[in-house]
Every structure is written in C-alpha cells, then in structure tokens.
Amino acid sequence: KVQTSDGSIFAYPMSDVEKITKEVPVTT
C-alpha cells in the first residue's frame, strides 16, 4: 500500500510492481 502526498492510499499486488526505489521529490 502506498500513501501519496494528498493522503490517498493505493493498494497493488506485487505481481503488478516492477520495482520500488527511493528518489529525490520532483519539487525538490
């Protein structure tokens, strides 16, 4: 489950996920 900056929560099965990374925010 992922919570975005506006508070929305999205759930995904791992079979749909290609990768998870840590990145500098776009605004930054």
mmCIF file of all heavy atoms, coordinates in Angstrom:
data_MODEL
# 
_entry.id   MODEL 
# 
loop_
_atom_site.group_PDB 
_atom_site.id 
_atom_site.type_symbol 
_atom_site.label_atom_id 
_atom_site.label_alt_id 
_atom_site.label_comp_id 
_atom_site.label_asym_id 
_atom_site.label_entity_id 
_atom_site.label_seq_id 
_atom_site.pdbx_PDB_ins_code 
_atom_site.Cartn_x 
_atom_site.Cartn_y 
_atom_site.Cartn_z 
_atom_site.occupancy 
_atom_site.B_iso_or_equiv 
_atom_site.pdbx_formal_charge 
_atom_site.auth_seq_id 
_atom_site.auth_comp_id 
_atom_site.auth_asym_id 
_atom_site.auth_atom_id 
_atom_site.pdbx_PDB_model_num 
ATOM 1   N N   . LYS A 1 1  ? 0.847  -1.179  0.000   1.00 0.00 ? 1  LYS A N   1 
ATOM 2   C CA  . LYS A 1 1  ? 0.000  0.000   0.000   1.00 0.00 ? 1  LYS A CA  1 
ATOM 3   C C   . LYS A 1 1  ? 0.890  1.238   0.000   1.00 0.00 ? 1  LYS A C   1 
ATOM 4   O O   . LYS A 1 1  ? 1.883  1.302   0.721   1.00 0.00 ? 1  LYS A O   1 
ATOM 5   C CB  . LYS A 1 1  ? -0.912 0.023   1.229   1.00 0.00 ? 1  LYS A CB  1 
ATOM 6   C CG  . LYS A 1 1  ? -2.000 -1.038  1.215   1.00 0.00 ? 1  LYS A CG  1 
ATOM 7   C CD  . LYS A 1 1  ? -2.903 -0.921  2.434   1.00 0.00 ? 1  LYS A CD  1 
ATOM 8   C CE  . LYS A 1 1  ? -4.002 -1.985  2.406   1.00 0.00 ? 1  LYS A CE  1 
ATOM 9   N NZ  . LYS A 1 1  ? -4.882 -1.889  3.604   1.00 0.00 ? 1  LYS A NZ  1 
ATOM 10  N N   . VAL A 1 2  ? 0.485  2.224   -0.817  1.00 0.00 ? 2  VAL A N   1 
ATOM 11  C CA  . VAL A 1 2  ? 1.250  3.457   -0.939  1.00 0.00 ? 2  VAL A CA  1 
ATOM 12  C C   . VAL A 1 2  ? 0.346  4.639   -0.611  1.00 0.00 ? 2  VAL A C   1 
ATOM 13  O O   . VAL A 1 2  ? -0.778 4.731   -1.128  1.00 0.00 ? 2  VAL A O   1 
ATOM 14  C CB  . VAL A 1 2  ? 1.808  3.631   -2.372  1.00 0.00 ? 2  VAL A CB  1 
ATOM 15  C CG1 . VAL A 1 2  ? 2.661  4.893   -2.449  1.00 0.00 ? 2  VAL A CG1 1 
ATOM 16  C CG2 . VAL A 1 2  ? 2.606  2.423   -2.791  1.00 0.00 ? 2  VAL A CG2 1 
ATOM 17  N N   . GLN A 1 3  ? 0.841  5.532   0.236   1.00 0.00 ? 3  GLN A N   1 
ATOM 18  C CA  . GLN A 1 3  ? 0.110  6.766   0.544   1.00 0.00 ? 3  GLN A CA  1 
ATOM 19  C C   . GLN A 1 3  ? 0.795  7.931   -0.157  1.00 0.00 ? 3  GLN A C   1 
ATOM 20  O O   . GLN A 1 3  ? 1.983  8.182   0.037   1.00 0.00 ? 3  GLN A O   1 
ATOM 21  C CB  . GLN A 1 3  ? 0.059  7.026   2.051   1.00 0.00 ? 3  GLN A CB  1 
ATOM 22  C CG  . GLN A 1 3  ? -0.780 8.255   2.419   1.00 0.00 ? 3  GLN A CG  1 
ATOM 23  C CD  . GLN A 1 3  ? -0.974 8.386   3.922   1.00 0.00 ? 3  GLN A CD  1 
ATOM 24  O OE1 . GLN A 1 3  ? -0.365 7.684   4.696   1.00 0.00 ? 3  GLN A OE1 1 
ATOM 25  N NE2 . GLN A 1 3  ? -1.842 9.297   4.314   1.00 0.00 ? 3  GLN A NE2 1 
ATOM 26  N N   . THR A 1 4  ? 0.033  8.659   -1.000  1.00 0.00 ? 4  THR A N   1 
ATOM 27  C CA  . THR A 1 4  ? 0.592  9.790   -1.742  1.00 0.00 ? 4  THR A CA  1 
ATOM 28  C C   . THR A 1 4  ? 0.515  11.064  -0.907  1.00 0.00 ? 4  THR A C   1 
ATOM 29  O O   . THR A 1 4  ? -0.085 11.082  0.181   1.00 0.00 ? 4  THR A O   1 
ATOM 30  C CB  . THR A 1 4  ? -0.159 9.988   -3.067  1.00 0.00 ? 4  THR A CB  1 
ATOM 31  O OG1 . THR A 1 4  ? -1.556 10.185  -2.801  1.00 0.00 ? 4  THR A OG1 1 
ATOM 32  C CG2 . THR A 1 4  ? -0.009 8.758   -3.954  1.00 0.00 ? 4  THR A CG2 1 
ATOM 33  N N   . SER A 1 5  ? 1.104  12.151  -1.410  1.00 0.00 ? 5  SER A N   1 
ATOM 34  C CA  . SER A 1 5  ? 1.202  13.397  -0.655  1.00 0.00 ? 5  SER A CA  1 
ATOM 35  C C   . SER A 1 5  ? -0.156 14.017  -0.336  1.00 0.00 ? 5  SER A C   1 
ATOM 36  O O   . SER A 1 5  ? -0.283 14.787  0.608   1.00 0.00 ? 5  SER A O   1 
ATOM 37  C CB  . SER A 1 5  ? 2.061  14.407  -1.421  1.00 0.00 ? 5  SER A CB  1 
ATOM 38  O OG  . SER A 1 5  ? 1.495  14.670  -2.703  1.00 0.00 ? 5  SER A OG  1 
ATOM 39  N N   . ASP A 1 6  ? -1.194 13.684  -1.130  1.00 0.00 ? 6  ASP A N   1 
ATOM 40  C CA  . ASP A 1 6  ? -2.521 14.235  -0.858  1.00 0.00 ? 6  ASP A CA  1 
ATOM 41  C C   . ASP A 1 6  ? -3.342 13.371  0.092   1.00 0.00 ? 6  ASP A C   1 
ATOM 42  O O   . ASP A 1 6  ? -4.517 13.634  0.326   1.00 0.00 ? 6  ASP A O   1 
ATOM 43  C CB  . ASP A 1 6  ? -3.286 14.444  -2.173  1.00 0.00 ? 6  ASP A CB  1 
ATOM 44  C CG  . ASP A 1 6  ? -3.550 13.134  -2.911  1.00 0.00 ? 6  ASP A CG  1 
ATOM 45  O OD1 . ASP A 1 6  ? -3.118 12.072  -2.429  1.00 0.00 ? 6  ASP A OD1 1 
ATOM 46  O OD2 . ASP A 1 6  ? -4.182 13.186  -3.986  1.00 0.00 ? 6  ASP A OD2 1 
ATOM 47  N N   . GLY A 1 7  ? -2.709 12.309  0.643   1.00 0.00 ? 7  GLY A N   1 
ATOM 48  C CA  . GLY A 1 7  ? -3.387 11.444  1.610   1.00 0.00 ? 7  GLY A CA  1 
ATOM 49  C C   . GLY A 1 7  ? -4.078 10.232  1.012   1.00 0.00 ? 7  GLY A C   1 
ATOM 50  O O   . GLY A 1 7  ? -4.581 9.383   1.754   1.00 0.00 ? 7  GLY A O   1 
ATOM 51  N N   . SER A 1 8  ? -4.112 10.133  -0.313  1.00 0.00 ? 8  SER A N   1 
ATOM 52  C CA  . SER A 1 8  ? -4.747 8.976   -0.956  1.00 0.00 ? 8  SER A CA  1 
ATOM 53  C C   . SER A 1 8  ? -3.911 7.722   -0.730  1.00 0.00 ? 8  SER A C   1 
ATOM 54  O O   . SER A 1 8  ? -2.675 7.785   -0.673  1.00 0.00 ? 8  SER A O   1 
ATOM 55  C CB  . SER A 1 8  ? -4.910 9.221   -2.457  1.00 0.00 ? 8  SER A CB  1 
ATOM 56  O OG  . SER A 1 8  ? -5.693 10.371  -2.697  1.00 0.00 ? 8  SER A OG  1 
ATOM 57  N N   . ILE A 1 9  ? -4.592 6.579   -0.601  1.00 0.00 ? 9  ILE A N   1 
ATOM 58  C CA  . ILE A 1 9  ? -3.920 5.302   -0.381  1.00 0.00 ? 9  ILE A CA  1 
ATOM 59  C C   . ILE A 1 9  ? -4.265 4.353   -1.526  1.00 0.00 ? 9  ILE A C   1 
ATOM 60  O O   . ILE A 1 9  ? -5.440 4.179   -1.873  1.00 0.00 ? 9  ILE A O   1 
ATOM 61  C CB  . ILE A 1 9  ? -4.328 4.682   0.969   1.00 0.00 ? 9  ILE A CB  1 
ATOM 62  C CG1 . ILE A 1 9  ? -3.888 5.603   2.119   1.00 0.00 ? 9  ILE A CG1 1 
ATOM 63  C CG2 . ILE A 1 9  ? -3.726 3.285   1.134   1.00 0.00 ? 9  ILE A CG2 1 
ATOM 64  C CD1 . ILE A 1 9  ? -4.329 5.124   3.492   1.00 0.00 ? 9  ILE A CD1 1 
ATOM 65  N N   . PHE A 1 10 ? -3.238 3.762   -2.119  1.00 0.00 ? 10 PHE A N   1 
ATOM 66  C CA  . PHE A 1 10 ? -3.422 2.828   -3.226  1.00 0.00 ? 10 PHE A CA  1 
ATOM 67  C C   . PHE A 1 10 ? -2.797 1.486   -2.869  1.00 0.00 ? 10 PHE A C   1 
ATOM 68  O O   . PHE A 1 10 ? -1.710 1.436   -2.280  1.00 0.00 ? 10 PHE A O   1 
ATOM 69  C CB  . PHE A 1 10 ? -2.771 3.373   -4.502  1.00 0.00 ? 10 PHE A CB  1 
ATOM 70  C CG  . PHE A 1 10 ? -3.316 4.702   -4.947  1.00 0.00 ? 10 PHE A CG  1 
ATOM 71  C CD1 . PHE A 1 10 ? -2.727 5.887   -4.504  1.00 0.00 ? 10 PHE A CD1 1 
ATOM 72  C CD2 . PHE A 1 10 ? -4.410 4.777   -5.792  1.00 0.00 ? 10 PHE A CD2 1 
ATOM 73  C CE1 . PHE A 1 10 ? -3.223 7.117   -4.907  1.00 0.00 ? 10 PHE A CE1 1 
ATOM 74  C CE2 . PHE A 1 10 ? -4.913 6.001   -6.200  1.00 0.00 ? 10 PHE A CE2 1 
ATOM 75  C CZ  . PHE A 1 10 ? -4.326 7.174   -5.753  1.00 0.00 ? 10 PHE A CZ  1 
ATOM 76  N N   . ALA A 1 11 ? -3.492 0.415   -3.236  1.00 0.00 ? 11 ALA A N   1 
ATOM 77  C CA  . ALA A 1 11 ? -3.012 -0.937  -2.957  1.00 0.00 ? 11 ALA A CA  1 
ATOM 78  C C   . ALA A 1 11 ? -2.776 -1.672  -4.274  1.00 0.00 ? 11 ALA A C   1 
ATOM 79  O O   . ALA A 1 11 ? -3.572 -1.550  -5.217  1.00 0.00 ? 11 ALA A O   1 
ATOM 80  C CB  . ALA A 1 11 ? -4.024 -1.689  -2.104  1.00 0.00 ? 11 ALA A CB  1 
ATOM 81  N N   . TYR A 1 12 ? -1.676 -2.404  -4.340  1.00 0.00 ? 12 TYR A N   1 
ATOM 82  C CA  . TYR A 1 12 ? -1.322 -3.138  -5.560  1.00 0.00 ? 12 TYR A CA  1 
ATOM 83  C C   . TYR A 1 12 ? -0.787 -4.518  -5.209  1.00 0.00 ? 12 TYR A C   1 
ATOM 84  O O   . TYR A 1 12 ? -0.057 -4.670  -4.220  1.00 0.00 ? 12 TYR A O   1 
ATOM 85  C CB  . TYR A 1 12 ? -0.234 -2.382  -6.353  1.00 0.00 ? 12 TYR A CB  1 
ATOM 86  C CG  . TYR A 1 12 ? -0.624 -0.993  -6.722  1.00 0.00 ? 12 TYR A CG  1 
ATOM 87  C CD1 . TYR A 1 12 ? -0.213 0.084   -5.948  1.00 0.00 ? 12 TYR A CD1 1 
ATOM 88  C CD2 . TYR A 1 12 ? -1.403 -0.737  -7.864  1.00 0.00 ? 12 TYR A CD2 1 
ATOM 89  C CE1 . TYR A 1 12 ? -0.559 1.383   -6.287  1.00 0.00 ? 12 TYR A CE1 1 
ATOM 90  C CE2 . TYR A 1 12 ? -1.758 0.562   -8.198  1.00 0.00 ? 12 TYR A CE2 1 
ATOM 91  C CZ  . TYR A 1 12 ? -1.338 1.612   -7.412  1.00 0.00 ? 12 TYR A CZ  1 
ATOM 92  O OH  . TYR A 1 12 ? -1.696 2.894   -7.740  1.00 0.00 ? 12 TYR A OH  1 
ATOM 93  N N   . PRO A 1 13 ? -1.138 -5.524  -5.998  1.00 0.00 ? 13 PRO A N   1 
ATOM 94  C CA  . PRO A 1 13 ? -0.489 -6.832  -5.825  1.00 0.00 ? 13 PRO A CA  1 
ATOM 95  C C   . PRO A 1 13 ? 0.955  -6.736  -6.303  1.00 0.00 ? 13 PRO A C   1 
ATOM 96  O O   . PRO A 1 13 ? 1.266  -5.993  -7.242  1.00 0.00 ? 13 PRO A O   1 
ATOM 97  C CB  . PRO A 1 13 ? -1.322 -7.753  -6.712  1.00 0.00 ? 13 PRO A CB  1 
ATOM 98  C CG  . PRO A 1 13 ? -1.929 -6.863  -7.742  1.00 0.00 ? 13 PRO A CG  1 
ATOM 99  C CD  . PRO A 1 13 ? -2.164 -5.547  -7.062  1.00 0.00 ? 13 PRO A CD  1 
ATOM 100 N N   . MET A 1 14 ? 1.860  -7.459  -5.663  1.00 0.00 ? 14 MET A N   1 
ATOM 101 C CA  . MET A 1 14 ? 3.261  -7.387  -6.029  1.00 0.00 ? 14 MET A CA  1 
ATOM 102 C C   . MET A 1 14 ? 3.512  -7.868  -7.456  1.00 0.00 ? 14 MET A C   1 
ATOM 103 O O   . MET A 1 14 ? 4.504  -7.498  -8.076  1.00 0.00 ? 14 MET A O   1 
ATOM 104 C CB  . MET A 1 14 ? 4.101  -8.221  -5.052  1.00 0.00 ? 14 MET A CB  1 
ATOM 105 C CG  . MET A 1 14 ? 4.165  -7.635  -3.645  1.00 0.00 ? 14 MET A CG  1 
ATOM 106 S SD  . MET A 1 14 ? 4.842  -5.956  -3.588  1.00 0.00 ? 14 MET A SD  1 
ATOM 107 C CE  . MET A 1 14 ? 6.503  -6.245  -4.153  1.00 0.00 ? 14 MET A CE  1 
ATOM 108 N N   . SER A 1 15 ? 2.591  -8.646  -8.001  1.00 0.00 ? 15 SER A N   1 
ATOM 109 C CA  . SER A 1 15 ? 2.744  -9.112  -9.380  1.00 0.00 ? 15 SER A CA  1 
ATOM 110 C C   . SER A 1 15 ? 2.637  -7.965  -10.374 1.00 0.00 ? 15 SER A C   1 
ATOM 111 O O   . SER A 1 15 ? 3.080  -8.080  -11.518 1.00 0.00 ? 15 SER A O   1 
ATOM 112 C CB  . SER A 1 15 ? 1.697  -10.182 -9.699  1.00 0.00 ? 15 SER A CB  1 
ATOM 113 O OG  . SER A 1 15 ? 0.378  -9.663  -9.510  1.00 0.00 ? 15 SER A OG  1 
ATOM 114 N N   . ASP A 1 16 ? 2.038  -6.816  -9.943  1.00 0.00 ? 16 ASP A N   1 
ATOM 115 C CA  . ASP A 1 16 ? 1.917  -5.650  -10.818 1.00 0.00 ? 16 ASP A CA  1 
ATOM 116 C C   . ASP A 1 16 ? 3.090  -4.679  -10.664 1.00 0.00 ? 16 ASP A C   1 
ATOM 117 O O   . ASP A 1 16 ? 3.190  -3.702  -11.416 1.00 0.00 ? 16 ASP A O   1 
ATOM 118 C CB  . ASP A 1 16 ? 0.614  -4.885  -10.512 1.00 0.00 ? 16 ASP A CB  1 
ATOM 119 C CG  . ASP A 1 16 ? -0.619 -5.665  -10.947 1.00 0.00 ? 16 ASP A CG  1 
ATOM 120 O OD1 . ASP A 1 16 ? -0.465 -6.643  -11.701 1.00 0.00 ? 16 ASP A OD1 1 
ATOM 121 O OD2 . ASP A 1 16 ? -1.729 -5.281  -10.526 1.00 0.00 ? 16 ASP A OD2 1 
ATOM 122 N N   . VAL A 1 17 ? 3.951  -4.924  -9.685  1.00 0.00 ? 17 VAL A N   1 
ATOM 123 C CA  . VAL A 1 17 ? 5.033  -3.997  -9.366  1.00 0.00 ? 17 VAL A CA  1 
ATOM 124 C C   . VAL A 1 17 ? 6.318  -4.407  -10.081 1.00 0.00 ? 17 VAL A C   1 
ATOM 125 O O   . VAL A 1 17 ? 6.756  -5.555  -9.995  1.00 0.00 ? 17 VAL A O   1 
ATOM 126 C CB  . VAL A 1 17 ? 5.278  -3.947  -7.852  1.00 0.00 ? 17 VAL A CB  1 
ATOM 127 C CG1 . VAL A 1 17 ? 6.454  -3.025  -7.527  1.00 0.00 ? 17 VAL A CG1 1 
ATOM 128 C CG2 . VAL A 1 17 ? 4.019  -3.468  -7.130  1.00 0.00 ? 17 VAL A CG2 1 
ATOM 129 N N   . GLU A 1 18 ? 6.906  -3.430  -10.788 1.00 0.00 ? 18 GLU A N   1 
ATOM 130 C CA  . GLU A 1 18 ? 8.178  -3.693  -11.461 1.00 0.00 ? 18 GLU A CA  1 
ATOM 131 C C   . GLU A 1 18 ? 9.348  -3.445  -10.522 1.00 0.00 ? 18 GLU A C   1 
ATOM 132 O O   . GLU A 1 18 ? 10.272 -4.249  -10.430 1.00 0.00 ? 18 GLU A O   1 
ATOM 133 C CB  . GLU A 1 18 ? 8.316  -2.793  -12.691 1.00 0.00 ? 18 GLU A CB  1 
ATOM 134 C CG  . GLU A 1 18 ? 9.608  -2.997  -13.460 1.00 0.00 ? 18 GLU A CG  1 
ATOM 135 C CD  . GLU A 1 18 ? 9.693  -2.141  -14.704 1.00 0.00 ? 18 GLU A CD  1 
ATOM 136 O OE1 . GLU A 1 18 ? 8.638  -1.707  -15.204 1.00 0.00 ? 18 GLU A OE1 1 
ATOM 137 O OE2 . GLU A 1 18 ? 10.821 -1.908  -15.171 1.00 0.00 ? 18 GLU A OE2 1 
ATOM 138 N N   . LYS A 1 19 ? 9.314  -2.297  -9.788  1.00 0.00 ? 19 LYS A N   1 
ATOM 139 C CA  . LYS A 1 19 ? 10.387 -2.009  -8.832  1.00 0.00 ? 19 LYS A CA  1 
ATOM 140 C C   . LYS A 1 19 ? 9.935  -0.910  -7.876  1.00 0.00 ? 19 LYS A C   1 
ATOM 141 O O   . LYS A 1 19 ? 8.976  -0.178  -8.141  1.00 0.00 ? 19 LYS A O   1 
ATOM 142 C CB  . LYS A 1 19 ? 11.669 -1.581  -9.550  1.00 0.00 ? 19 LYS A CB  1 
ATOM 143 C CG  . LYS A 1 19 ? 11.545 -0.284  -10.337 1.00 0.00 ? 19 LYS A CG  1 
ATOM 144 C CD  . LYS A 1 19 ? 12.871 0.079   -10.989 1.00 0.00 ? 19 LYS A CD  1 
ATOM 145 C CE  . LYS A 1 19 ? 12.734 1.371   -11.804 1.00 0.00 ? 19 LYS A CE  1 
ATOM 146 N NZ  . LYS A 1 19 ? 14.016 1.769   -12.427 1.00 0.00 ? 19 LYS A NZ  1 
ATOM 147 N N   . ILE A 1 20 ? 10.663 -0.809  -6.749  1.00 0.00 ? 20 ILE A N   1 
ATOM 148 C CA  . ILE A 1 20 ? 10.425 0.245   -5.762  1.00 0.00 ? 20 ILE A CA  1 
ATOM 149 C C   . ILE A 1 20 ? 11.761 0.922   -5.497  1.00 0.00 ? 20 ILE A C   1 
ATOM 150 O O   . ILE A 1 20 ? 12.757 0.254   -5.199  1.00 0.00 ? 20 ILE A O   1 
ATOM 151 C CB  . ILE A 1 20 ? 9.863  -0.333  -4.444  1.00 0.00 ? 20 ILE A CB  1 
ATOM 152 C CG1 . ILE A 1 20 ? 8.578  -1.130  -4.716  1.00 0.00 ? 20 ILE A CG1 1 
ATOM 153 C CG2 . ILE A 1 20 ? 9.596  0.782   -3.444  1.00 0.00 ? 20 ILE A CG2 1 
ATOM 154 C CD1 . ILE A 1 20 ? 8.069  -1.880  -3.498  1.00 0.00 ? 20 ILE A CD1 1 
ATOM 155 N N   . THR A 1 21 ? 11.791 2.256   -5.621  1.00 0.00 ? 21 THR A N   1 
ATOM 156 C CA  . THR A 1 21 ? 13.033 2.994   -5.414  1.00 0.00 ? 21 THR A CA  1 
ATOM 157 C C   . THR A 1 21 ? 12.807 4.157   -4.456  1.00 0.00 ? 21 THR A C   1 
ATOM 158 O O   . THR A 1 21 ? 11.667 4.506   -4.125  1.00 0.00 ? 21 THR A O   1 
ATOM 159 C CB  . THR A 1 21 ? 13.580 3.554   -6.745  1.00 0.00 ? 21 THR A CB  1 
ATOM 160 O OG1 . THR A 1 21 ? 12.652 4.523   -7.256  1.00 0.00 ? 21 THR A OG1 1 
ATOM 161 C CG2 . THR A 1 21 ? 13.763 2.439   -7.767  1.00 0.00 ? 21 THR A CG2 1 
ATOM 162 N N   . LYS A 1 22 ? 13.916 4.753   -4.015  1.00 0.00 ? 22 LYS A N   1 
ATOM 163 C CA  . LYS A 1 22 ? 13.874 5.999   -3.238  1.00 0.00 ? 22 LYS A CA  1 
ATOM 164 C C   . LYS A 1 22 ? 14.495 7.090   -4.098  1.00 0.00 ? 22 LYS A C   1 
ATOM 165 O O   . LYS A 1 22 ? 15.626 6.935   -4.563  1.00 0.00 ? 22 LYS A O   1 
ATOM 166 C CB  . LYS A 1 22 ? 14.627 5.844   -1.915  1.00 0.00 ? 22 LYS A CB  1 
ATOM 167 C CG  . LYS A 1 22 ? 13.909 4.973   -0.886  1.00 0.00 ? 22 LYS A CG  1 
ATOM 168 C CD  . LYS A 1 22 ? 14.661 4.976   0.430   1.00 0.00 ? 22 LYS A CD  1 
ATOM 169 C CE  . LYS A 1 22 ? 13.952 4.139   1.473   1.00 0.00 ? 22 LYS A CE  1 
ATOM 170 N NZ  . LYS A 1 22 ? 12.665 4.711   1.873   1.00 0.00 ? 22 LYS A NZ  1 
ATOM 171 N N   . GLU A 1 23 ? 13.768 8.195   -4.310  1.00 0.00 ? 23 GLU A N   1 
ATOM 172 C CA  . GLU A 1 23 ? 14.232 9.252   -5.195  1.00 0.00 ? 23 GLU A CA  1 
ATOM 173 C C   . GLU A 1 23 ? 13.986 10.619  -4.563  1.00 0.00 ? 23 GLU A C   1 
ATOM 174 O O   . GLU A 1 23 ? 13.137 10.769  -3.673  1.00 0.00 ? 23 GLU A O   1 
ATOM 175 C CB  . GLU A 1 23 ? 13.508 9.180   -6.549  1.00 0.00 ? 23 GLU A CB  1 
ATOM 176 C CG  . GLU A 1 23 ? 13.721 7.861   -7.288  1.00 0.00 ? 23 GLU A CG  1 
ATOM 177 C CD  . GLU A 1 23 ? 12.956 7.801   -8.599  1.00 0.00 ? 23 GLU A CD  1 
ATOM 178 O OE1 . GLU A 1 23 ? 12.409 8.845   -9.013  1.00 0.00 ? 23 GLU A OE1 1 
ATOM 179 O OE2 . GLU A 1 23 ? 12.899 6.714   -9.197  1.00 0.00 ? 23 GLU A OE2 1 
ATOM 180 N N   . VAL A 1 24 ? 14.722 11.606  -5.056  1.00 0.00 ? 24 VAL A N   1 
ATOM 181 C CA  . VAL A 1 24 ? 14.505 12.985  -4.616  1.00 0.00 ? 24 VAL A CA  1 
ATOM 182 C C   . VAL A 1 24 ? 13.149 13.446  -5.139  1.00 0.00 ? 24 VAL A C   1 
ATOM 183 O O   . VAL A 1 24 ? 12.828 13.232  -6.310  1.00 0.00 ? 24 VAL A O   1 
ATOM 184 C CB  . VAL A 1 24 ? 15.613 13.908  -5.164  1.00 0.00 ? 24 VAL A CB  1 
ATOM 185 C CG1 . VAL A 1 24 ? 15.332 15.357  -4.789  1.00 0.00 ? 24 VAL A CG1 1 
ATOM 186 C CG2 . VAL A 1 24 ? 16.969 13.473  -4.629  1.00 0.00 ? 24 VAL A CG2 1 
ATOM 187 N N   . PRO A 1 25 ? 12.297 14.042  -4.314  1.00 0.00 ? 25 PRO A N   1 
ATOM 188 C CA  . PRO A 1 25 ? 10.997 14.516  -4.786  1.00 0.00 ? 25 PRO A CA  1 
ATOM 189 C C   . PRO A 1 25 ? 11.131 15.450  -5.970  1.00 0.00 ? 25 PRO A C   1 
ATOM 190 O O   . PRO A 1 25 ? 12.096 16.210  -6.071  1.00 0.00 ? 25 PRO A O   1 
ATOM 191 C CB  . PRO A 1 25 ? 10.424 15.254  -3.562  1.00 0.00 ? 25 PRO A CB  1 
ATOM 192 C CG  . PRO A 1 25 ? 11.109 14.620  -2.395  1.00 0.00 ? 25 PRO A CG  1 
ATOM 193 C CD  . PRO A 1 25 ? 12.500 14.288  -2.882  1.00 0.00 ? 25 PRO A CD  1 
ATOM 194 N N   . VAL A 1 26 ? 10.144 15.404  -6.866  1.00 0.00 ? 26 VAL A N   1 
ATOM 195 C CA  . VAL A 1 26 ? 10.179 16.228  -8.073  1.00 0.00 ? 26 VAL A CA  1 
ATOM 196 C C   . VAL A 1 26 ? 10.284 17.700  -7.722  1.00 0.00 ? 26 VAL A C   1 
ATOM 197 O O   . VAL A 1 26 ? 11.040 18.457  -8.339  1.00 0.00 ? 26 VAL A O   1 
ATOM 198 C CB  . VAL A 1 26 ? 8.924  15.971  -8.933  1.00 0.00 ? 26 VAL A CB  1 
ATOM 199 C CG1 . VAL A 1 26 ? 8.879  16.924  -10.112 1.00 0.00 ? 26 VAL A CG1 1 
ATOM 200 C CG2 . VAL A 1 26 ? 8.914  14.527  -9.414  1.00 0.00 ? 26 VAL A CG2 1 
ATOM 201 N N   . THR A 1 27 ? 9.550  18.160  -6.724  1.00 0.00 ? 27 THR A N   1 
ATOM 202 C CA  . THR A 1 27 ? 9.592  19.574  -6.346  1.00 0.00 ? 27 THR A CA  1 
ATOM 203 C C   . THR A 1 27 ? 10.976 19.968  -5.864  1.00 0.00 ? 27 THR A C   1 
ATOM 204 O O   . THR A 1 27 ? 11.454 21.054  -6.123  1.00 0.00 ? 27 THR A O   1 
ATOM 205 C CB  . THR A 1 27 ? 8.557  19.877  -5.251  1.00 0.00 ? 27 THR A CB  1 
ATOM 206 O OG1 . THR A 1 27 ? 8.754  18.967  -4.152  1.00 0.00 ? 27 THR A OG1 1 
ATOM 207 C CG2 . THR A 1 27 ? 7.148  19.714  -5.777  1.00 0.00 ? 27 THR A CG2 1 
ATOM 208 N N   . THR A 1 28 ? 11.634 19.043  -5.145  1.00 0.00 ? 28 THR A N   1 
ATOM 209 C CA  . THR A 1 28 ? 12.984 19.317  -4.658  1.00 0.00 ? 28 THR A CA  1 
ATOM 210 C C   . THR A 1 28 ? 13.953 19.413  -5.807  1.00 0.00 ? 28 THR A C   1 
ATOM 211 O O   . THR A 1 28 ? 14.838 20.270  -5.837  1.00 0.00 ? 28 THR A O   1 
ATOM 212 C CB  . THR A 1 28 ? 13.432 18.211  -3.683  1.00 0.00 ? 28 THR A CB  1 
ATOM 213 O OG1 . THR A 1 28 ? 12.512 18.120  -2.604  1.00 0.00 ? 28 THR A OG1 1 
ATOM 214 C CG2 . THR A 1 28 ? 14.834 18.500  -3.138  1.00 0.00 ? 28 THR A CG2 1 
# 
